[in-house]
Amino acid sequence: MMAKKAAKTGAGPTALIAVEQYFPKKERIVEDELAYHILPTGRAFLWLMRLIQNLMSMTVAIL
């Protein structure tokens, strides 16, 4: 039971690293091209994050 809970703790940090890979290389803290492969729903999650990032960028540009 405890091992299953421990196994789930890696998804959050891995998701953050995967999202960071869409930032320009100069702005990244960590480079890990495999992070999104490890996530259970990695590609869909990153697609959604990229969409949100683009929408936020457009909103800031308008203001």
N, C-alpha and C. Protein backbone atom coordinates (compact mmCIF):
# COMPACT_ATOMS: atom_id res chain seq x y z
N MET A 1 0.83 -1.19 0.00
CA MET A 1 0.00 0.00 0.00
C MET A 1 0.87 1.26 0.00
N MET A 2 1.88 1.28 0.83
CA MET A 2 2.75 2.46 0.93
C MET A 2 3.54 2.65 -0.36
N ALA A 3 3.93 1.57 -1.01
CA ALA A 3 4.70 1.67 -2.25
C ALA A 3 3.88 2.32 -3.36
N LYS A 4 2.58 2.03 -3.40
CA LYS A 4 1.72 2.63 -4.42
C LYS A 4 1.60 4.14 -4.21
N LYS A 5 1.49 4.57 -2.95
CA LYS A 5 1.41 6.00 -2.67
C LYS A 5 2.71 6.69 -3.05
N ALA A 6 3.82 6.06 -2.75
CA ALA A 6 5.13 6.64 -3.08
C ALA A 6 5.32 6.73 -4.58
N ALA A 7 4.81 5.77 -5.32
CA ALA A 7 4.96 5.77 -6.77
C ALA A 7 4.20 6.92 -7.41
N LYS A 8 3.13 7.37 -6.79
CA LYS A 8 2.32 8.45 -7.35
C LYS A 8 2.93 9.83 -7.11
N THR A 9 3.89 9.95 -6.23
CA THR A 9 4.44 11.26 -5.90
C THR A 9 5.32 11.83 -7.00
N GLY A 10 5.79 11.05 -7.92
CA GLY A 10 6.67 11.53 -8.97
C GLY A 10 5.97 12.24 -10.11
N ALA A 11 4.67 12.08 -10.23
CA ALA A 11 3.94 12.66 -11.37
C ALA A 11 3.96 14.19 -11.35
N GLY A 12 3.82 14.79 -10.20
CA GLY A 12 3.80 16.25 -10.10
C GLY A 12 5.10 16.90 -10.56
N PRO A 13 6.23 16.52 -9.95
CA PRO A 13 7.50 17.09 -10.39
C PRO A 13 7.83 16.78 -11.85
N THR A 14 7.48 15.58 -12.29
CA THR A 14 7.74 15.21 -13.68
C THR A 14 6.91 16.08 -14.62
N ALA A 15 5.68 16.36 -14.25
CA ALA A 15 4.82 17.22 -15.07
C ALA A 15 5.41 18.62 -15.18
N LEU A 16 5.92 19.15 -14.09
CA LEU A 16 6.53 20.48 -14.12
C LEU A 16 7.73 20.52 -15.05
N ILE A 17 8.55 19.48 -15.00
CA ILE A 17 9.73 19.43 -15.87
C ILE A 17 9.30 19.29 -17.32
N ALA A 18 8.26 18.50 -17.57
CA ALA A 18 7.78 18.32 -18.93
C ALA A 18 7.25 19.64 -19.50
N VAL A 19 6.50 20.39 -18.70
CA VAL A 19 5.99 21.69 -19.16
C VAL A 19 7.14 22.64 -19.43
N GLU A 20 8.16 22.59 -18.59
CA GLU A 20 9.30 23.50 -18.75
C GLU A 20 10.02 23.29 -20.08
N GLN A 21 9.91 22.13 -20.69
CA GLN A 21 10.60 21.86 -21.94
C GLN A 21 10.05 22.69 -23.09
N TYR A 22 8.88 23.30 -22.91
CA TYR A 22 8.32 24.17 -23.93
C TYR A 22 8.74 25.62 -23.77
N PHE A 23 9.52 25.93 -22.73
CA PHE A 23 10.08 27.26 -22.56
C PHE A 23 11.32 27.36 -23.45
N PRO A 24 11.72 28.55 -23.82
CA PRO A 24 12.97 28.69 -24.58
C PRO A 24 14.14 28.10 -23.79
N LYS A 25 15.11 27.51 -24.48
CA LYS A 25 16.22 26.83 -23.81
C LYS A 25 16.94 27.71 -22.80
N LYS A 26 17.06 28.99 -23.10
CA LYS A 26 17.76 29.90 -22.18
C LYS A 26 17.01 30.10 -20.87
N GLU A 27 15.71 29.85 -20.86
CA GLU A 27 14.89 30.07 -19.67
C GLU A 27 14.69 28.80 -18.85
N ARG A 28 15.08 27.66 -19.36
CA ARG A 28 14.87 26.40 -18.66
C ARG A 28 15.85 26.23 -17.50
N ILE A 29 15.37 25.65 -16.43
CA ILE A 29 16.23 25.29 -15.31
C ILE A 29 16.78 23.89 -15.54
N VAL A 30 15.92 23.00 -16.04
CA VAL A 30 16.28 21.60 -16.28
C VAL A 30 15.91 21.24 -17.71
N GLU A 31 16.76 20.48 -18.37
CA GLU A 31 16.43 19.96 -19.69
C GLU A 31 16.25 18.45 -19.58
N ASP A 32 15.07 17.99 -19.94
CA ASP A 32 14.76 16.56 -19.86
C ASP A 32 13.75 16.24 -20.95
N GLU A 33 14.23 15.80 -22.07
CA GLU A 33 13.38 15.50 -23.22
C GLU A 33 12.50 14.26 -23.01
N LEU A 34 12.79 13.47 -21.99
CA LEU A 34 12.04 12.24 -21.75
C LEU A 34 10.93 12.42 -20.72
N ALA A 35 10.83 13.57 -20.09
CA ALA A 35 9.88 13.75 -19.00
C ALA A 35 8.44 13.46 -19.42
N TYR A 36 8.03 13.95 -20.59
CA TYR A 36 6.63 13.73 -20.97
C TYR A 36 6.35 12.27 -21.33
N HIS A 37 7.37 11.51 -21.67
CA HIS A 37 7.16 10.08 -21.96
C HIS A 37 6.84 9.31 -20.69
N ILE A 38 7.31 9.80 -19.55
CA ILE A 38 7.11 9.11 -18.28
C ILE A 38 5.70 9.34 -17.75
N LEU A 39 5.11 10.47 -18.07
CA LEU A 39 3.77 10.79 -17.57
C LEU A 39 2.73 9.87 -18.19
N PRO A 40 1.74 9.46 -17.39
CA PRO A 40 0.70 8.56 -17.91
C PRO A 40 -0.05 9.16 -19.10
N THR A 41 -0.38 10.41 -19.01
CA THR A 41 -1.10 11.09 -20.10
C THR A 41 -0.25 12.25 -20.60
N GLY A 42 1.02 11.99 -20.75
CA GLY A 42 2.00 13.02 -21.04
C GLY A 42 1.72 13.91 -22.22
N ARG A 43 1.46 13.35 -23.35
CA ARG A 43 1.29 14.17 -24.55
C ARG A 43 0.04 15.04 -24.48
N ALA A 44 -1.05 14.47 -23.99
CA ALA A 44 -2.28 15.25 -23.87
C ALA A 44 -2.11 16.38 -22.87
N PHE A 45 -1.44 16.09 -21.77
CA PHE A 45 -1.18 17.09 -20.74
C PHE A 45 -0.35 18.23 -21.30
N LEU A 46 0.70 17.90 -22.01
CA LEU A 46 1.57 18.94 -22.56
C LEU A 46 0.89 19.74 -23.66
N TRP A 47 0.05 19.09 -24.43
CA TRP A 47 -0.71 19.81 -25.45
C TRP A 47 -1.60 20.86 -24.78
N LEU A 48 -2.26 20.46 -23.70
CA LEU A 48 -3.13 21.38 -22.97
C LEU A 48 -2.32 22.53 -22.37
N MET A 49 -1.17 22.23 -21.80
CA MET A 49 -0.33 23.27 -21.21
C MET A 49 0.18 24.25 -22.27
N ARG A 50 0.52 23.73 -23.43
CA ARG A 50 0.98 24.60 -24.52
C ARG A 50 -0.15 25.52 -24.98
N LEU A 51 -1.35 24.98 -25.07
CA LEU A 51 -2.51 25.78 -25.45
C LEU A 51 -2.75 26.89 -24.43
N ILE A 52 -2.70 26.56 -23.15
CA ILE A 52 -2.89 27.56 -22.10
C ILE A 52 -1.80 28.62 -22.16
N GLN A 53 -0.57 28.19 -22.37
CA GLN A 53 0.54 29.15 -22.45
C GLN A 53 0.34 30.10 -23.63
N ASN A 54 -0.08 29.58 -24.76
CA ASN A 54 -0.31 30.43 -25.94
C ASN A 54 -1.45 31.42 -25.70
N LEU A 55 -2.51 30.96 -25.06
CA LEU A 55 -3.63 31.85 -24.77
C LEU A 55 -3.22 32.95 -23.80
N MET A 56 -2.42 32.60 -22.81
CA MET A 56 -1.94 33.60 -21.86
C MET A 56 -1.04 34.61 -22.55
N SER A 57 -0.19 34.15 -23.45
CA SER A 57 0.70 35.05 -24.18
C SER A 57 -0.10 36.02 -25.05
N MET A 58 -1.15 35.52 -25.69
CA MET A 58 -1.98 36.39 -26.51
C MET A 58 -2.70 37.42 -25.66
N THR A 59 -3.16 37.03 -24.48
CA THR A 59 -3.85 37.95 -23.59
C THR A 59 -2.92 39.06 -23.12
N VAL A 60 -1.70 38.71 -22.77
CA VAL A 60 -0.72 39.70 -22.32
C VAL A 60 -0.38 40.65 -23.47
N ALA A 61 -0.26 40.13 -24.67
CA ALA A 61 0.08 40.96 -25.83
C ALA A 61 -1.03 41.97 -26.12
N ILE A 62 -2.26 41.59 -25.88
CA ILE A 62 -3.39 42.49 -26.13
C ILE A 62 -3.41 43.62 -25.11
N LEU A 63 -3.05 43.29 -23.87
CA LEU A 63 -3.07 44.31 -22.81
C LEU A 63 -1.93 45.26 -23.02
